[in-house]
C-alpha atoms as a PDB file:
ATOM      1  CA  MET A   1     -53.160-137.466-118.241  1.00  0.00           C
ATOM      2  CA  GLY A   2     -56.639-137.817-116.809  1.00  0.00           C
ATOM      3  CA  ALA A   3     -59.806-136.100-117.964  1.00  0.00           C
ATOM      4  CA  LYS A   4     -60.201-132.450-117.069  1.00  0.00           C
ATOM      5  CA  ALA A   5     -63.863-132.655-116.035  1.00  0.00           C
ATOM      6  CA  ALA A   6     -65.100-129.225-115.030  1.00  0.00           C
ATOM      7  CA  ALA A   7     -66.676-130.506-111.820  1.00  0.00           C
ATOM      8  CA  SER A   8     -63.400-131.901-110.543  1.00  0.00           C
ATOM      9  CA  ARG A   9     -60.793-129.587-112.006  1.00  0.00           C
ATOM     10  CA  VAL A  10     -58.462-127.915-109.539  1.00  0.00           C
ATOM     11  CA  TYR A  11     -57.577-124.366-110.479  1.00  0.00           C
ATOM     12  CA  ILE A  12     -54.474-122.820-109.014  1.00  0.00           C
ATOM     13  CA  LEU A  13     -55.295-119.688-107.073  1.00  0.00           C
ATOM     14  CA  LYS A  14     -51.896-118.918-105.598  1.00  0.00           C
ATOM     15  CA  ALA A  15     -48.250-118.862-106.585  1.00  0.00           C
ATOM     16  CA  LEU A  16     -44.951-118.569-104.756  1.00  0.00           C
ATOM     17  CA  LEU A  17     -41.958-116.657-106.102  1.00  0.00           C
ATOM     18  CA  ARG A  18     -38.713-117.461-104.322  1.00  0.00           C
ATOM     19  CA  VAL A  19     -36.190-114.643-104.136  1.00  0.00           C
ATOM     20  CA  GLU A  20     -32.550-115.382-103.326  1.00  0.00           C
ATOM     21  CA  PRO A  21     -29.337-113.353-103.420  1.00  0.00           C
ATOM     22  CA  ARG A  22     -27.794-113.145-106.892  1.00  0.00           C
ATOM     23  CA  ASP A  23     -24.590-111.689-108.271  1.00  0.00           C
ATOM     24  CA  ALA A  24     -24.398-107.916-108.252  1.00  0.00           C
ATOM     25  CA  GLY A  25     -26.547-106.477-111.023  1.00  0.00           C
ATOM     26  CA  ALA A  26     -28.417-109.727-111.706  1.00  0.00           C
ATOM     27  CA  GLY A  27     -31.066-109.652-108.981  1.00  0.00           C
ATOM     28  CA  VAL A  28     -34.794-110.015-109.603  1.00  0.00           C
ATOM     29  CA  LEU A  29     -35.197-106.230-109.825  1.00  0.00           C
ATOM     30  CA  ALA A  30     -32.689-106.154-112.689  1.00  0.00           C
ATOM     31  CA  THR A  31     -34.403-105.187-115.926  1.00  0.00           C
ATOM     32  CA  VAL A  32     -34.819-107.561-118.876  1.00  0.00           C
ATOM     33  CA  ARG A  33     -36.317-105.960-121.985  1.00  0.00           C
ATOM     34  CA  GLY A  34     -37.557-102.989-119.965  1.00  0.00           C
ATOM     35  CA  ARG A  35     -39.142-104.881-117.051  1.00  0.00           C
ATOM     36  CA  PRO A  36     -37.746-106.448-113.836  1.00  0.00           C
ATOM     37  CA  LEU A  37     -37.804-110.258-113.898  1.00  0.00           C
ATOM     38  CA  ILE A  38     -40.081-110.559-110.886  1.00  0.00           C
ATOM     39  CA  VAL A  39     -42.532-108.037-112.334  1.00  0.00           C
ATOM     40  CA  SER A  40     -42.675-110.072-115.566  1.00  0.00           C
ATOM     41  CA  HIS A  41     -43.689-113.123-113.512  1.00  0.00           C
ATOM     42  CA  ILE A  42     -46.304-111.183-111.556  1.00  0.00           C
ATOM     43  CA  VAL A  43     -47.868-109.739-114.721  1.00  0.00           C
ATOM     44  CA  ALA A  44     -47.923-113.165-116.417  1.00  0.00           C
ATOM     45  CA  LEU A  45     -49.531-114.781-113.350  1.00  0.00           C
ATOM     46  CA  VAL A  46     -52.204-112.081-113.151  1.00  0.00           C
ATOM     47  CA  ARG A  47     -52.998-112.532-116.856  1.00  0.00           C
ATOM     48  CA  ALA A  48     -53.587-116.219-116.082  1.00  0.00           C
ATOM     49  CA  GLY A  49     -55.992-115.328-113.285  1.00  0.00           C
ATOM     50  CA  ILE A  50     -53.541-115.993-110.443  1.00  0.00           C
ATOM     51  CA  GLY A  51     -53.558-112.892-108.281  1.00  0.00           C
ATOM     52  CA  GLU A  52     -52.602-114.232-104.847  1.00  0.00           C
ATOM     53  CA  ILE A  53     -48.794-114.280-104.920  1.00  0.00           C
ATOM     54  CA  ILE A  54     -46.434-115.001-102.034  1.00  0.00           C
ATOM     55  CA  VAL A  55     -42.931-113.611-102.371  1.00  0.00           C
ATOM     56  CA  SER A  56     -40.503-115.670-100.305  1.00  0.00           C
ATOM     57  CA  THR A  57     -37.086-114.248 -99.572  1.00  0.00           C
ATOM     58  CA  ALA A  58     -34.213-115.210 -97.299  1.00  0.00           C
ATOM     59  CA  ALA A  59     -32.461-111.916 -97.988  1.00  0.00           C
ATOM     60  CA  ALA A  60     -33.338-108.453 -96.736  1.00  0.00           C
ATOM     61  CA  SER A  61     -36.505-107.562 -98.617  1.00  0.00           C
ATOM     62  CA  ASP A  62     -37.020-103.878 -97.814  1.00  0.00           C
ATOM     63  CA  ASP A  63     -35.990-102.745-101.293  1.00  0.00           C
ATOM     64  CA  LEU A  64     -38.133-105.435-102.905  1.00  0.00           C
ATOM     65  CA  GLN A  65     -41.204-104.514-100.889  1.00  0.00           C
ATOM     66  CA  ALA A  66     -40.642-100.831-101.584  1.00  0.00           C
ATOM     67  CA  ALA A  67     -40.498-101.568-105.322  1.00  0.00           C
ATOM     68  CA  LEU A  68     -43.456-103.938-105.511  1.00  0.00           C
ATOM     69  CA  GLY A  69     -45.672-102.755-102.660  1.00  0.00           C
ATOM     70  CA  ASP A  70     -48.844-104.769-102.133  1.00  0.00           C
ATOM     71  CA  GLY A  71     -49.014-105.654-105.832  1.00  0.00           C
ATOM     72  CA  SER A  72     -52.218-103.712-106.471  1.00  0.00           C
ATOM     73  CA  ARG A  73     -50.713-101.710-109.337  1.00  0.00           C
ATOM     74  CA  PHE A  74     -50.147-105.020-111.149  1.00  0.00           C
ATOM     75  CA  GLY A  75     -53.602-106.334-110.316  1.00  0.00           C
ATOM     76  CA  ALA A  76     -52.137-108.743-107.769  1.00  0.00           C
ATOM     77  CA  HIS A  77     -52.248-109.237-104.014  1.00  0.00           C
ATOM     78  CA  LEU A  78     -48.699-109.754-102.767  1.00  0.00           C
ATOM     79  CA  LYS A  79     -47.695-111.179 -99.419  1.00  0.00           C
ATOM     80  CA  TYR A  80     -44.121-111.484 -98.196  1.00  0.00           C
ATOM     81  CA  ALA A  81     -42.859-114.579 -96.416  1.00  0.00           C
ATOM     82  CA  PRO A  82     -39.412-114.466 -94.808  1.00  0.00           C
ATOM     83  CA  ALA A  83     -37.708-117.823 -95.252  1.00  0.00           C
ATOM     84  CA  ALA A  84     -34.675-119.406 -93.674  1.00  0.00           C
ATOM     85  CA  ALA A  85     -31.658-119.604 -95.962  1.00  0.00           C
ATOM     86  CA  GLY A  86     -31.782-122.817 -97.941  1.00  0.00           C
ATOM     87  CA  ASP A  87     -33.282-124.374-101.027  1.00  0.00           C
ATOM     88  CA  MET A  88     -36.742-124.240-102.576  1.00  0.00           C
ATOM     89  CA  ARG A  89     -38.096-126.858-100.177  1.00  0.00           C
ATOM     90  CA  GLU A  90     -37.368-124.701 -97.132  1.00  0.00           C
ATOM     91  CA  ALA A  91     -38.784-121.597 -98.812  1.00  0.00           C
ATOM     92  CA  ILE A  92     -42.048-123.366 -99.674  1.00  0.00           C
ATOM     93  CA  THR A  93     -42.355-125.080 -96.297  1.00  0.00           C
ATOM     94  CA  ALA A  94     -42.011-121.744 -94.513  1.00  0.00           C
ATOM     95  CA  ALA A  95     -44.693-120.220 -96.759  1.00  0.00           C
ATOM     96  CA  LEU A  96     -47.224-123.089 -96.489  1.00  0.00           C
ATOM     97  CA  PRO A  97     -49.425-121.246 -93.923  1.00  0.00           C
ATOM     98  CA  LEU A  98     -49.922-118.515 -96.548  1.00  0.00           C
ATOM     99  CA  LEU A  99     -50.347-120.921 -99.476  1.00  0.00           C
ATOM    100  CA  GLY A 100     -53.299-122.796 -97.969  1.00  0.00           C
ATOM    101  CA  SER A 101     -54.565-126.296 -98.726  1.00  0.00           C
ATOM    102  CA  ASP A 102     -54.969-126.131-102.535  1.00  0.00           C
ATOM    103  CA  PRO A 103     -52.292-126.798-105.189  1.00  0.00           C
ATOM    104  CA  PHE A 104     -50.029-123.879-106.081  1.00  0.00           C
ATOM    105  CA  ILE A 105     -47.369-122.921-108.607  1.00  0.00           C
ATOM    106  CA  ALA A 106     -43.823-122.240-107.399  1.00  0.00           C
ATOM    107  CA  LEU A 107     -40.811-120.953-109.284  1.00  0.00           C
ATOM    108  CA  PRO A 108     -37.563-119.044-108.679  1.00  0.00           C
ATOM    109  CA  ALA A 109     -38.037-115.332-109.181  1.00  0.00           C
ATOM    110  CA  HIS A 110     -34.736-115.026-111.110  1.00  0.00           C
ATOM    111  CA  LEU A 111     -35.909-117.423-113.839  1.00  0.00           C
ATOM    112  CA  TYR A 112     -36.184-116.074-117.380  1.00  0.00           C
ATOM    113  CA  CYS A 113     -39.134-117.829-119.058  1.00  0.00           C
ATOM    114  CA  PRO A 114     -40.956-115.168-121.097  1.00  0.00           C
ATOM    115  CA  HIS A 115     -43.443-117.472-122.841  1.00  0.00           C
ATOM    116  CA  PHE A 116     -44.422-119.834-120.037  1.00  0.00           C
ATOM    117  CA  ASP A 117     -48.169-120.604-120.037  1.00  0.00           C
ATOM    118  CA  PHE A 118     -49.373-120.201-116.445  1.00  0.00           C
ATOM    119  CA  GLU A 119     -52.970-120.579-117.639  1.00  0.00           C
ATOM    120  CA  GLU A 120     -52.281-124.136-118.777  1.00  0.00           C
ATOM    121  CA  ALA A 121     -50.352-124.900-115.593  1.00  0.00           C
ATOM    122  CA  LYS A 122     -53.379-124.076-113.446  1.00  0.00           C
ATOM    123  CA  SER A 123     -55.087-127.417-114.070  1.00  0.00           C
ATOM    124  CA  VAL A 124     -52.328-129.984-114.675  1.00  0.00           C
ATOM    125  CA  LEU A 125     -52.942-131.824-111.392  1.00  0.00           C
ATOM    126  CA  GLU A 126     -55.880-134.105-112.163  1.00  0.00           C
ATOM    127  CA  ASP A 127     -58.414-135.258-109.586  1.00  0.00           C
ATOM    128  CA  CYS A 128     -60.151-137.778-111.910  1.00  0.00           C
ATOM    129  CA  ASP A 129     -59.123-140.460-114.394  1.00  0.00           C
ATOM    130  CA  VAL A 130     -60.059-140.474-118.105  1.00  0.00           C
ATOM    131  CA  LEU A 131     -63.513-141.892-117.247  1.00  0.00           C
ATOM    132  CA  GLY A 132     -64.206-139.178-114.704  1.00  0.00           C
ATOM    133  CA  ASN A 133     -63.723-141.416-111.684  1.00  0.00           C
ATOM    134  CA  PRO A 134     -62.105-139.602-108.734  1.00  0.00           C
ATOM    135  CA  TYR A 135     -58.600-140.624-107.810  1.00  0.00           C
ATOM    136  CA  THR A 136     -57.949-141.517-104.199  1.00  0.00           C
ATOM    137  CA  PRO A 137     -55.460-139.203-102.449  1.00  0.00           C
ATOM    138  CA  GLU A 138     -52.841-141.953-102.793  1.00  0.00           C
ATOM    139  CA  GLN A 139     -53.384-142.291-106.563  1.00  0.00           C
ATOM    140  CA  ARG A 140     -53.361-138.713-107.763  1.00  0.00           C
ATOM    141  CA  ASP A 141     -50.212-136.806-108.705  1.00  0.00           C
ATOM    142  CA  ILE A 142     -48.771-134.876-105.798  1.00  0.00           C
ATOM    143  CA  GLY A 143     -46.768-132.565-108.046  1.00  0.00           C
ATOM    144  CA  TRP A 144     -46.060-131.639-111.667  1.00  0.00           C
ATOM    145  CA  LEU A 145     -42.621-130.664-112.966  1.00  0.00           C
ATOM    146  CA  TYR A 146     -41.710-128.757-116.101  1.00  0.00           C
ATOM    147  CA  LEU A 147     -38.556-130.281-117.582  1.00  0.00           C
ATOM    148  CA  LEU A 148     -36.056-129.050-120.163  1.00  0.00           C
ATOM    149  CA  LYS A 149     -34.047-130.870-122.810  1.00  0.00           C
ATOM    150  CA  ASN A 150     -31.101-128.624-121.999  1.00  0.00           C
ATOM    151  CA  GLY A 151     -30.079-126.335-119.192  1.00  0.00           C
ATOM    152  CA  GLY A 152     -31.171-126.614-115.596  1.00  0.00           C
ATOM    153  CA  ASP A 153     -29.450-125.524-112.417  1.00  0.00           C
ATOM    154  CA  LYS A 154     -26.451-127.751-111.658  1.00  0.00           C
ATOM    155  CA  ASN A 155     -25.661-126.078-108.344  1.00  0.00           C
ATOM    156  CA  GLU A 156     -27.763-128.307-106.101  1.00  0.00           C
ATOM    157  CA  ASP A 157     -26.315-131.675-107.056  1.00  0.00           C
ATOM    158  CA  GLY A 158     -23.996-133.188-109.628  1.00  0.00           C
ATOM    159  CA  ASP A 159     -26.855-134.470-111.777  1.00  0.00           C
ATOM    160  CA  GLY A 160     -28.286-130.986-112.165  1.00  0.00           C
ATOM    161  CA  GLY A 161     -31.777-132.062-111.097  1.00  0.00           C
ATOM    162  CA  ARG A 162     -32.258-134.419-114.043  1.00  0.00           C
ATOM    163  CA  PHE A 163     -35.146-136.858-114.373  1.00  0.00           C
ATOM    164  CA  GLY A 164     -36.515-139.407-116.781  1.00  0.00           C
ATOM    165  CA  LEU A 165     -39.978-138.949-118.292  1.00  0.00           C
ATOM    166  CA  GLN A 166     -42.297-141.765-119.369  1.00  0.00           C
ATOM    167  CA  LEU A 167     -45.352-140.261-121.064  1.00  0.00           C
ATOM    168  CA  TYR A 168     -46.438-137.802-118.344  1.00  0.00           C
ATOM    169  CA  THR A 169     -44.806-139.562-115.384  1.00  0.00           C
ATOM    170  CA  VAL A 170     -41.548-138.241-113.932  1.00  0.00           C
ATOM    171  CA  GLN A 171     -39.021-140.954-113.087  1.00  0.00           C
ATOM    172  CA  CYS A 172     -35.776-141.026-111.158  1.00  0.00           C
ATOM    173  CA  GLU A 173     -34.099-143.132-113.834  1.00  0.00           C
ATOM    174  CA  GLY A 174     -34.513-143.573-117.563  1.00  0.00           C
ATOM    175  CA  ALA A 175     -33.091-142.070-120.724  1.00  0.00           C
ATOM    176  CA  PRO A 176     -32.999-139.488-122.028  1.00  0.00           C
ATOM    177  CA  ARG A 177     -32.546-137.376-118.920  1.00  0.00           C
ATOM    178  CA  TYR A 178     -34.185-133.969-118.654  1.00  0.00           C
ATOM    179  CA  ALA A 179     -33.310-131.003-116.452  1.00  0.00           C
ATOM    180  CA  PHE A 180     -35.797-129.616-113.958  1.00  0.00           C
ATOM    181  CA  SER A 181     -36.629-126.059-115.022  1.00  0.00           C
ATOM    182  CA  GLY A 182     -37.430-124.861-111.506  1.00  0.00           C
ATOM    183  CA  ILE A 183     -41.146-124.436-112.316  1.00  0.00           C
ATOM    184  CA  GLY A 184     -43.545-126.822-110.638  1.00  0.00           C
ATOM    185  CA  VAL A 185     -47.125-127.245-109.455  1.00  0.00           C
ATOM    186  CA  TYR A 186     -47.507-128.863-106.040  1.00  0.00           C
ATOM    187  CA  ARG A 187     -50.047-130.100-103.566  1.00  0.00           C
ATOM    188  CA  PRO A 188     -49.125-129.024-100.007  1.00  0.00           C
ATOM    189  CA  GLU A 189     -48.952-132.665 -98.878  1.00  0.00           C
ATOM    190  CA  LEU A 190     -45.827-133.119-101.002  1.00  0.00           C
ATOM    191  CA  PHE A 191     -43.966-131.335 -98.204  1.00  0.00           C
ATOM    192  CA  ALA A 192     -45.457-133.341 -95.347  1.00  0.00           C
ATOM    193  CA  ALA A 193     -45.803-136.949 -96.525  1.00  0.00           C
ATOM    194  CA  PRO A 194     -47.251-138.811 -93.519  1.00  0.00           C
ATOM    195  CA  ASP A 195     -45.238-141.993 -94.059  1.00  0.00           C
ATOM    196  CA  ASP A 196     -41.872-140.270 -93.887  1.00  0.00           C
ATOM    197  CA  LYS A 197     -39.766-141.407 -90.973  1.00  0.00           C
ATOM    198  CA  PRO A 198     -37.731-138.615 -89.326  1.00  0.00           C
ATOM    199  CA  GLY A 199     -34.452-140.422 -89.950  1.00  0.00           C
ATOM    200  CA  GLU A 200     -35.280-140.955 -93.615  1.00  0.00           C
ATOM    201  CA  ARG A 201     -36.493-137.511 -94.600  1.00  0.00           C
ATOM    202  CA  PRO A 202     -34.843-136.192 -97.785  1.00  0.00           C
ATOM    203  CA  ALA A 203     -31.943-133.865 -97.133  1.00  0.00           C
ATOM    204  CA  ASN A 204     -32.802-131.308 -99.815  1.00  0.00           C
ATOM    205  CA  TRP A 205     -35.270-130.184-102.459  1.00  0.00           C
ATOM    206  CA  LEU A 206     -34.142-132.470-105.271  1.00  0.00           C
ATOM    207  CA  GLN A 207     -34.038-135.505-102.994  1.00  0.00           C
ATOM    208  CA  LEU A 208     -37.610-134.731-101.933  1.00  0.00           C
ATOM    209  CA  LEU A 209     -38.717-134.651-105.562  1.00  0.00           C
ATOM    210  CA  ARG A 210     -36.876-137.883-106.317  1.00  0.00           C
ATOM    211  CA  MET A 211     -38.543-139.580-103.348  1.00  0.00           C
ATOM    212  CA  HIS A 212     -41.992-138.780-104.744  1.00  0.00           C
ATOM    213  CA  ALA A 213     -40.915-139.667-108.279  1.00  0.00           C
ATOM    214  CA  ALA A 214     -39.809-143.090-107.012  1.00  0.00           C
ATOM    215  CA  ARG A 215     -43.305-143.544-105.576  1.00  0.00           C
ATOM    216  CA  GLY A 216     -44.903-142.695-108.928  1.00  0.00           C
ATOM    217  CA  ARG A 217     -46.499-139.530-107.559  1.00  0.00           C
ATOM    218  CA  LEU A 218     -44.929-136.888-109.836  1.00  0.00           C
ATOM    219  CA  GLY A 219     -46.323-135.928-113.212  1.00  0.00           C
ATOM    220  CA  GLY A 220     -44.548-133.716-115.684  1.00  0.00           C
ATOM    221  CA  GLU A 221     -43.886-132.596-119.220  1.00  0.00           C
ATOM    222  CA  LEU A 222     -41.218-131.043-121.398  1.00  0.00           C
ATOM    223  CA  TYR A 223     -41.295-127.270-121.673  1.00  0.00           C
ATOM    224  CA  PRO A 224     -40.115-126.269-125.182  1.00  0.00           C
ATOM    225  CA  GLY A 225     -39.629-122.533-124.692  1.00  0.00           C
ATOM    226  CA  PRO A 226     -36.625-120.508-123.512  1.00  0.00           C
ATOM    227  CA  CYS A 227     -36.090-120.988-119.783  1.00  0.00           C
ATOM    228  CA  SER A 228     -32.950-120.211-117.816  1.00  0.00           C
ATOM    229  CA  PRO A 229     -31.922-118.801-114.425  1.00  0.00           C
ATOM    230  CA  VAL A 230     -30.329-115.357-114.623  1.00  0.00           C
ATOM    231  CA  ASP A 231     -27.446-115.728-112.186  1.00  0.00           C
ATOM    232  CA  THR A 232     -24.806-113.365-113.496  1.00  0.00           C
ATOM    233  CA  LEU A 233     -24.423-109.904-114.941  1.00  0.00           C
ATOM    234  CA  SER A 234     -23.125-111.374-118.210  1.00  0.00           C
ATOM    235  CA  GLN A 235     -26.332-113.410-118.615  1.00  0.00           C
ATOM    236  CA  LEU A 236     -28.363-110.279-117.980  1.00  0.00           C
ATOM    237  CA  GLN A 237     -26.360-108.335-120.554  1.00  0.00           C
ATOM    238  CA  MET A 238     -26.890-111.074-123.145  1.00  0.00           C
ATOM    239  CA  LEU A 239     -30.664-111.032-122.599  1.00  0.00           C
ATOM    240  CA  ASN A 240     -30.683-107.265-123.097  1.00  0.00           C
ATOM    241  CA  ALA A 241     -28.442-107.320-126.178  1.00  0.00           C
ATOM    242  CA  PRO A 242     -29.931-106.114-129.484  1.00  0.00           C
ATOM    243  CA  PRO A 243     -31.720-109.013-131.221  1.00  0.00           C
ATOM    244  CA  ILE A 244     -29.289-108.968-134.150  1.00  0.00           C
ATOM    245  CA  LEU A 245     -26.434-109.823-131.749  1.00  0.00           C
ATOM    246  CA  LEU A 246     -28.387-112.811-130.409  1.00  0.00           C
ATOM    247  CA  LYS A 247     -28.823-114.378-133.852  1.00  0.00           C
ATOM    248  CA  GLY A 248     -27.228-117.790-133.895  1.00  0.00           C
ATOM    249  CA  MET A 249     -26.903-117.975-130.107  1.00  0.00           C
ATOM    250  CA  PRO A 250     -28.595-120.861-128.252  1.00  0.00           C
ATOM    251  CA  ASP A 251     -31.837-120.112-126.401  1.00  0.00           C
ATOM    252  CA  VAL A 252     -31.323-118.904-122.854  1.00  0.00           C
END
């Protein structure tokens, strides 16, 4: 990791929360420990000084907007971006006009990650090396992934979005393999690489990430805390179970 010189540090000012249809009872407005999942993310982002939040949803969002409003009661400024049905890549691409030209954090709104440090994530994309020399646009990391030793979403491909990690560089190959948590920090150019040929553009979100990893442009680290998508009502019930019933269960 390069030096975090104050004059060159990039602070994240915006975040995107992607909302997608879930099983009945396990949507982002479902309550975990007394608070809807999406509200927990909004509050954590605001505490980290990230108040500009774009909520991207391919589903009907009237109920969501009625529940969250403009975000002012949480200290945030919420905007809503309708997105075509698809994966995270399509959701982010559709929201890029609202996200602007600076790096941003993106994560699925149905993710349970109660201890994630958004403050630390604000400045992981370095603009200078350890001596304070500016990277060229071609040298600097274009994205930063938070990886998990276990878990991950295996719905998008058979490998479950798994990557190798050498120091702080994400790799397509290598052992051990780590699952992508769903949380990442990205520069907008990750979604519009100028040297992509139309016939060779990645087909989906994970292929896009692997393309940049193969080019040595993705940084990353292991996230040690609990982190898991809440996809089903049974998962939601487990998270809301009395703590004594969770003793001995694996982290979720």
